[in-house]
Amino acid sequence: MDNFEQISQDNTQLNFQEQSQDNTALNNDNTELIMGKFKSVDDLSNAYKNIEAKHGQQSKELGELRKKAEILDKIQKQVSDFQENNKALKEYISKNASKYDKDEYFKNPEFSNLYKEALTALGTNLDTDKFVSLLDSYVKSRISMYEKSQSAKSETENSKSQMQFSDSSPKAASKPIPKLDTLDDAEIDEVIAKYI
């Protein structure tokens, strides 16, 4: 019986080991992960779709960020250029303003506004001396034209006042002029005398 018990125990142990191996294999099938993370192909497929969507969203965001970075670079360059131009303009104005710091120039608001517009349009390419010279010539020509106009007006008024107009009105015919071919010589002389 000892052998029988021994065989029986060996069979039991063998059956137990086979069952254990089957259970382990079954558990290994359930616990064996695809790529170490996914339990099924569907899980892997869903994860891939999610990654693609996230990648697309991140690519779009990256493109937008690049555009914004380009715009920011342009703005920074414009600000830098503006600051440089502003500094150059201040130096230019301080150099040229001292020459024309008079009542008829920079102290005059109309001149200052006109100069500001010219400076805005031309920047430091504006030749202040030439600008002032041309403006002076223009002002002188306007003054000359005004004086000529006033002189002509005055002469016209003087001429009008010196002219003597008779207050009598021209003799008006009380009757219509008769046809000369129907009149005799004496009557024709009489009619002509009325109008002379």
C-alpha atoms as a PDB file:
ATOM      1  CA  MET A   1       0.000   0.000   0.000  1.00  0.00           C
ATOM      2  CA  ASP A   2       2.787   2.200   0.427  1.00  0.00           C
ATOM      3  CA  ASN A   3       3.414   2.122  -3.263  1.00  0.00           C
ATOM      4  CA  PHE A   4      -0.189   2.758  -3.963  1.00  0.00           C
ATOM      5  CA  GLU A   5      -0.269   5.713  -1.687  1.00  0.00           C
ATOM      6  CA  GLN A   6       2.944   6.900  -3.198  1.00  0.00           C
ATOM      7  CA  ILE A   7       1.555   6.605  -6.732  1.00  0.00           C
ATOM      8  CA  SER A   8      -1.655   8.269  -5.675  1.00  0.00           C
ATOM      9  CA  GLN A   9       0.203  11.114  -4.094  1.00  0.00           C
ATOM     10  CA  ASP A  10       2.410  11.453  -7.168  1.00  0.00           C
ATOM     11  CA  ASN A  11      -0.694  11.526  -9.398  1.00  0.00           C
ATOM     12  CA  THR A  12      -2.326  14.101  -7.176  1.00  0.00           C
ATOM     13  CA  GLN A  13       0.792  16.164  -7.161  1.00  0.00           C
ATOM     14  CA  LEU A  14       1.146  15.831 -10.917  1.00  0.00           C
ATOM     15  CA  ASN A  15      -2.517  16.805 -11.441  1.00  0.00           C
ATOM     16  CA  PHE A  16      -2.061  19.736  -9.099  1.00  0.00           C
ATOM     17  CA  GLN A  17       1.042  20.876 -10.980  1.00  0.00           C
ATOM     18  CA  GLU A  18      -0.728  20.578 -14.346  1.00  0.00           C
ATOM     19  CA  GLN A  19      -3.690  22.509 -13.034  1.00  0.00           C
ATOM     20  CA  SER A  20      -1.371  25.106 -11.569  1.00  0.00           C
ATOM     21  CA  GLN A  21       0.464  25.399 -14.879  1.00  0.00           C
ATOM     22  CA  ASP A  22      -2.850  25.729 -16.751  1.00  0.00           C
ATOM     23  CA  ASN A  23      -3.997  28.414 -14.302  1.00  0.00           C
ATOM     24  CA  THR A  24      -0.652  30.197 -14.576  1.00  0.00           C
ATOM     25  CA  ALA A  25      -0.845  30.068 -18.381  1.00  0.00           C
ATOM     26  CA  LEU A  26      -4.419  31.331 -18.219  1.00  0.00           C
ATOM     27  CA  ASN A  27      -3.382  34.068 -15.823  1.00  0.00           C
ATOM     28  CA  ASN A  28      -0.368  34.833 -18.021  1.00  0.00           C
ATOM     29  CA  ASP A  29      -2.700  35.208 -21.040  1.00  0.00           C
ATOM     30  CA  ASN A  30      -4.865  37.619 -19.055  1.00  0.00           C
ATOM     31  CA  THR A  31      -1.969  39.455 -17.510  1.00  0.00           C
ATOM     32  CA  GLU A  32       0.358  39.412 -20.520  1.00  0.00           C
ATOM     33  CA  LEU A  33       0.156  43.022 -21.812  1.00  0.00           C
ATOM     34  CA  ILE A  34       0.688  44.255 -25.345  1.00  0.00           C
ATOM     35  CA  MET A  35       3.774  46.479 -25.397  1.00  0.00           C
ATOM     36  CA  GLY A  36       3.788  46.160 -21.639  1.00  0.00           C
ATOM     37  CA  LYS A  37       0.727  48.456 -21.251  1.00  0.00           C
ATOM     38  CA  PHE A  38      -2.354  47.404 -23.214  1.00  0.00           C
ATOM     39  CA  LYS A  39      -4.630  44.487 -22.367  1.00  0.00           C
ATOM     40  CA  SER A  40      -6.124  44.272 -25.851  1.00  0.00           C
ATOM     41  CA  VAL A  41      -5.641  45.434 -29.429  1.00  0.00           C
ATOM     42  CA  ASP A  42      -8.685  47.717 -29.028  1.00  0.00           C
ATOM     43  CA  ASP A  43      -7.015  49.407 -26.052  1.00  0.00           C
ATOM     44  CA  LEU A  44      -3.872  49.875 -28.143  1.00  0.00           C
ATOM     45  CA  SER A  45      -5.918  51.241 -31.099  1.00  0.00           C
ATOM     46  CA  ASN A  46      -7.816  53.699 -28.853  1.00  0.00           C
ATOM     47  CA  ALA A  47      -4.582  54.858 -27.254  1.00  0.00           C
ATOM     48  CA  TYR A  48      -3.062  55.419 -30.727  1.00  0.00           C
ATOM     49  CA  LYS A  49      -6.103  57.451 -31.835  1.00  0.00           C
ATOM     50  CA  ASN A  50      -5.869  59.562 -28.668  1.00  0.00           C
ATOM     51  CA  ILE A  51      -2.164  60.150 -29.260  1.00  0.00           C
ATOM     52  CA  GLU A  52      -2.847  61.186 -32.887  1.00  0.00           C
ATOM     53  CA  ALA A  53      -5.560  63.640 -31.755  1.00  0.00           C
ATOM     54  CA  LYS A  54      -3.298  65.083 -29.075  1.00  0.00           C
ATOM     55  CA  HIS A  55      -0.418  65.350 -31.555  1.00  0.00           C
ATOM     56  CA  GLY A  56      -2.668  67.205 -34.039  1.00  0.00           C
ATOM     57  CA  GLN A  57      -3.834  69.597 -31.333  1.00  0.00           C
ATOM     58  CA  GLN A  58      -0.275  70.231 -30.179  1.00  0.00           C
ATOM     59  CA  SER A  59       0.875  70.807 -33.787  1.00  0.00           C
ATOM     60  CA  LYS A  60      -1.901  73.377 -34.245  1.00  0.00           C
ATOM     61  CA  GLU A  61      -0.996  75.096 -30.967  1.00  0.00           C
ATOM     62  CA  LEU A  62       2.680  75.079 -31.946  1.00  0.00           C
ATOM     63  CA  GLY A  63       1.833  76.668 -35.321  1.00  0.00           C
ATOM     64  CA  GLU A  64      -0.194  79.391 -33.562  1.00  0.00           C
ATOM     65  CA  LEU A  65       2.630  79.992 -31.098  1.00  0.00           C
ATOM     66  CA  ARG A  66       5.118  80.314 -33.963  1.00  0.00           C
ATOM     67  CA  LYS A  67       2.866  82.901 -35.672  1.00  0.00           C
ATOM     68  CA  LYS A  68       2.556  84.825 -32.418  1.00  0.00           C
ATOM     69  CA  ALA A  69       6.310  84.657 -31.921  1.00  0.00           C
ATOM     70  CA  GLU A  70       6.849  86.066 -35.447  1.00  0.00           C
ATOM     71  CA  ILE A  71       4.383  88.882 -34.751  1.00  0.00           C
ATOM     72  CA  LEU A  72       6.076  89.602 -31.431  1.00  0.00           C
ATOM     73  CA  ASP A  73       9.484  89.692 -33.152  1.00  0.00           C
ATOM     74  CA  LYS A  74       8.123  92.170 -35.734  1.00  0.00           C
ATOM     75  CA  ILE A  75       6.623  94.355 -33.001  1.00  0.00           C
ATOM     76  CA  GLN A  76       9.869  94.308 -31.025  1.00  0.00           C
ATOM     77  CA  LYS A  77      11.792  95.299 -34.181  1.00  0.00           C
ATOM     78  CA  GLN A  78       9.318  98.123 -34.868  1.00  0.00           C
ATOM     79  CA  VAL A  79       9.626  99.357 -31.279  1.00  0.00           C
ATOM     80  CA  SER A  80      13.408  99.217 -31.534  1.00  0.00           C
ATOM     81  CA  ASP A  81      13.372 101.053 -34.887  1.00  0.00           C
ATOM     82  CA  PHE A  82      10.949 103.623 -33.494  1.00  0.00           C
ATOM     83  CA  GLN A  83      13.177 104.243 -30.477  1.00  0.00           C
ATOM     84  CA  GLU A  84      16.224 104.674 -32.707  1.00  0.00           C
ATOM     85  CA  ASN A  85      14.344 107.016 -35.062  1.00  0.00           C
ATOM     86  CA  ASN A  86      12.929 108.938 -32.119  1.00  0.00           C
ATOM     87  CA  LYS A  87      16.413 109.395 -30.664  1.00  0.00           C
ATOM     88  CA  ALA A  88      17.749 110.554 -34.051  1.00  0.00           C
ATOM     89  CA  LEU A  89      14.814 112.966 -34.446  1.00  0.00           C
ATOM     90  CA  LYS A  90      15.374 114.459 -30.996  1.00  0.00           C
ATOM     91  CA  GLU A  91      19.040 115.046 -31.793  1.00  0.00           C
ATOM     92  CA  TYR A  92      18.115 116.512 -35.191  1.00  0.00           C
ATOM     93  CA  ILE A  93      15.490 118.848 -33.712  1.00  0.00           C
ATOM     94  CA  SER A  94      17.717 120.054 -30.888  1.00  0.00           C
ATOM     95  CA  LYS A  95      20.499 120.775 -33.409  1.00  0.00           C
ATOM     96  CA  ASN A  96      18.209 122.722 -35.803  1.00  0.00           C
ATOM     97  CA  ALA A  97      15.758 124.317 -33.385  1.00  0.00           C
ATOM     98  CA  SER A  98      18.396 126.508 -31.778  1.00  0.00           C
ATOM     99  CA  LYS A  99      18.965 128.321 -35.122  1.00  0.00           C
ATOM    100  CA  TYR A 100      15.296 129.213 -35.486  1.00  0.00           C
ATOM    101  CA  ASP A 101      14.194 129.801 -31.896  1.00  0.00           C
ATOM    102  CA  LYS A 102      12.504 133.092 -32.772  1.00  0.00           C
ATOM    103  CA  ASP A 103       8.972 134.425 -32.628  1.00  0.00           C
ATOM    104  CA  GLU A 104       8.379 133.916 -36.347  1.00  0.00           C
ATOM    105  CA  TYR A 105       9.636 130.324 -36.281  1.00  0.00           C
ATOM    106  CA  PHE A 106       9.498 127.702 -33.529  1.00  0.00           C
ATOM    107  CA  LYS A 107       7.807 130.031 -31.053  1.00  0.00           C
ATOM    108  CA  ASN A 108       4.973 130.445 -33.569  1.00  0.00           C
ATOM    109  CA  PRO A 109       2.455 127.553 -33.225  1.00  0.00           C
ATOM    110  CA  GLU A 110       1.551 127.593 -36.947  1.00  0.00           C
ATOM    111  CA  PHE A 111       5.200 127.281 -37.963  1.00  0.00           C
ATOM    112  CA  SER A 112       5.786 124.555 -35.353  1.00  0.00           C
ATOM    113  CA  ASN A 113       2.812 122.536 -36.625  1.00  0.00           C
ATOM    114  CA  LEU A 114       3.917 122.883 -40.249  1.00  0.00           C
ATOM    115  CA  TYR A 115       7.483 121.892 -39.334  1.00  0.00           C
ATOM    116  CA  LYS A 116       6.180 118.909 -37.352  1.00  0.00           C
ATOM    117  CA  GLU A 117       4.202 117.673 -40.389  1.00  0.00           C
ATOM    118  CA  ALA A 118       7.229 118.064 -42.673  1.00  0.00           C
ATOM    119  CA  LEU A 119       9.451 116.293 -40.143  1.00  0.00           C
ATOM    120  CA  THR A 120       6.929 113.464 -39.774  1.00  0.00           C
ATOM    121  CA  ALA A 121       6.832 113.005 -43.550  1.00  0.00           C
ATOM    122  CA  LEU A 122      10.564 113.295 -44.244  1.00  0.00           C
ATOM    123  CA  GLY A 123      12.209 112.433 -40.932  1.00  0.00           C
ATOM    124  CA  THR A 124      15.833 113.444 -40.630  1.00  0.00           C
ATOM    125  CA  ASN A 125      15.960 113.839 -44.431  1.00  0.00           C
ATOM    126  CA  LEU A 126      14.278 117.224 -43.953  1.00  0.00           C
ATOM    127  CA  ASP A 127      16.665 120.077 -44.678  1.00  0.00           C
ATOM    128  CA  THR A 128      15.548 122.603 -42.070  1.00  0.00           C
ATOM    129  CA  ASP A 129      17.467 125.515 -43.598  1.00  0.00           C
ATOM    130  CA  LYS A 130      15.906 124.915 -47.021  1.00  0.00           C
ATOM    131  CA  PHE A 131      12.469 124.420 -45.431  1.00  0.00           C
ATOM    132  CA  VAL A 132      12.708 127.743 -43.590  1.00  0.00           C
ATOM    133  CA  SER A 133      14.034 129.515 -46.695  1.00  0.00           C
ATOM    134  CA  LEU A 134      11.203 128.219 -48.883  1.00  0.00           C
ATOM    135  CA  LEU A 135       8.646 129.062 -46.235  1.00  0.00           C
ATOM    136  CA  ASP A 136      10.029 132.610 -45.897  1.00  0.00           C
ATOM    137  CA  SER A 137       9.840 133.039 -49.691  1.00  0.00           C
ATOM    138  CA  TYR A 138       6.268 131.803 -49.702  1.00  0.00           C
ATOM    139  CA  VAL A 139       5.256 134.172 -46.909  1.00  0.00           C
ATOM    140  CA  LYS A 140       6.923 137.123 -48.674  1.00  0.00           C
ATOM    141  CA  SER A 141       5.143 136.308 -51.937  1.00  0.00           C
ATOM    142  CA  ARG A 142       1.800 136.092 -50.118  1.00  0.00           C
ATOM    143  CA  ILE A 143       2.428 139.436 -48.415  1.00  0.00           C
ATOM    144  CA  SER A 144       3.408 140.975 -51.762  1.00  0.00           C
ATOM    145  CA  MET A 145       0.275 139.619 -53.426  1.00  0.00           C
ATOM    146  CA  TYR A 146      -1.869 140.965 -50.586  1.00  0.00           C
ATOM    147  CA  GLU A 147      -0.221 144.399 -50.806  1.00  0.00           C
ATOM    148  CA  LYS A 148      -0.734 144.484 -54.590  1.00  0.00           C
ATOM    149  CA  SER A 149      -4.350 143.510 -54.137  1.00  0.00           C
ATOM    150  CA  GLN A 150      -4.874 146.247 -51.523  1.00  0.00           C
ATOM    151  CA  SER A 151      -3.094 148.779 -53.737  1.00  0.00           C
ATOM    152  CA  ALA A 152      -5.274 147.882 -56.736  1.00  0.00           C
ATOM    153  CA  LYS A 153      -8.378 148.129 -54.576  1.00  0.00           C
ATOM    154  CA  SER A 154      -7.283 151.518 -53.278  1.00  0.00           C
ATOM    155  CA  GLU A 155      -6.551 152.794 -56.802  1.00  0.00           C
ATOM    156  CA  THR A 156      -9.956 151.613 -57.968  1.00  0.00           C
ATOM    157  CA  GLU A 157     -11.647 153.435 -55.093  1.00  0.00           C
ATOM    158  CA  ASN A 158      -9.664 156.611 -55.804  1.00  0.00           C
ATOM    159  CA  SER A 159     -10.491 156.459 -59.499  1.00  0.00           C
ATOM    160  CA  LYS A 160     -14.166 156.019 -58.735  1.00  0.00           C
ATOM    161  CA  SER A 161     -14.225 158.972 -56.364  1.00  0.00           C
ATOM    162  CA  GLN A 162     -12.365 161.216 -58.861  1.00  0.00           C
ATOM    163  CA  MET A 163     -14.752 160.494 -61.676  1.00  0.00           C
ATOM    164  CA  GLN A 164     -17.548 163.022 -62.022  1.00  0.00           C
ATOM    165  CA  PHE A 165     -20.791 161.716 -63.135  1.00  0.00           C
ATOM    166  CA  SER A 166     -23.539 164.125 -64.066  1.00  0.00           C
ATOM    167  CA  ASP A 167     -26.598 163.779 -62.008  1.00  0.00           C
ATOM    168  CA  SER A 168     -28.826 164.552 -64.924  1.00  0.00           C
ATOM    169  CA  SER A 169     -30.179 161.624 -66.692  1.00  0.00           C
ATOM    170  CA  PRO A 170     -29.956 161.467 -70.461  1.00  0.00           C
ATOM    171  CA  LYS A 171     -32.790 163.110 -72.203  1.00  0.00           C
ATOM    172  CA  ALA A 172     -35.441 160.628 -72.770  1.00  0.00           C
ATOM    173  CA  ALA A 173     -37.702 160.895 -75.681  1.00  0.00           C
ATOM    174  CA  SER A 174     -41.164 161.643 -74.568  1.00  0.00           C
ATOM    175  CA  LYS A 175     -42.473 160.304 -77.780  1.00  0.00           C
ATOM    176  CA  PRO A 176     -41.124 157.674 -80.018  1.00  0.00           C
ATOM    177  CA  ILE A 177     -38.801 158.840 -82.757  1.00  0.00           C
ATOM    178  CA  PRO A 178     -40.763 159.303 -85.922  1.00  0.00           C
ATOM    179  CA  LYS A 179     -39.605 157.784 -89.148  1.00  0.00           C
ATOM    180  CA  LEU A 180     -37.271 160.232 -90.758  1.00  0.00           C
ATOM    181  CA  ASP A 181     -38.436 159.502 -94.298  1.00  0.00           C
ATOM    182  CA  THR A 182     -41.883 160.864 -93.502  1.00  0.00           C
ATOM    183  CA  LEU A 183     -40.552 164.186 -92.114  1.00  0.00           C
ATOM    184  CA  ASP A 184     -39.506 167.270 -93.978  1.00  0.00           C
ATOM    185  CA  ASP A 185     -36.106 168.909 -93.453  1.00  0.00           C
ATOM    186  CA  ALA A 186     -37.198 171.312 -90.724  1.00  0.00           C
ATOM    187  CA  GLU A 187     -38.840 168.535 -88.730  1.00  0.00           C
ATOM    188  CA  ILE A 188     -35.729 166.348 -89.075  1.00  0.00           C
ATOM    189  CA  ASP A 189     -33.543 169.174 -87.735  1.00  0.00           C
ATOM    190  CA  GLU A 190     -35.900 169.634 -84.832  1.00  0.00           C
ATOM    191  CA  VAL A 191     -35.796 165.912 -83.915  1.00  0.00           C
ATOM    192  CA  ILE A 192     -32.005 165.777 -84.164  1.00  0.00           C
ATOM    193  CA  ALA A 193     -31.667 168.882 -81.972  1.00  0.00           C
ATOM    194  CA  LYS A 194     -33.571 167.141 -79.165  1.00  0.00           C
ATOM    195  CA  TYR A 195     -31.010 164.356 -78.978  1.00  0.00           C
ATOM    196  CA  ILE A 196     -27.852 166.414 -79.313  1.00  0.00           C
END
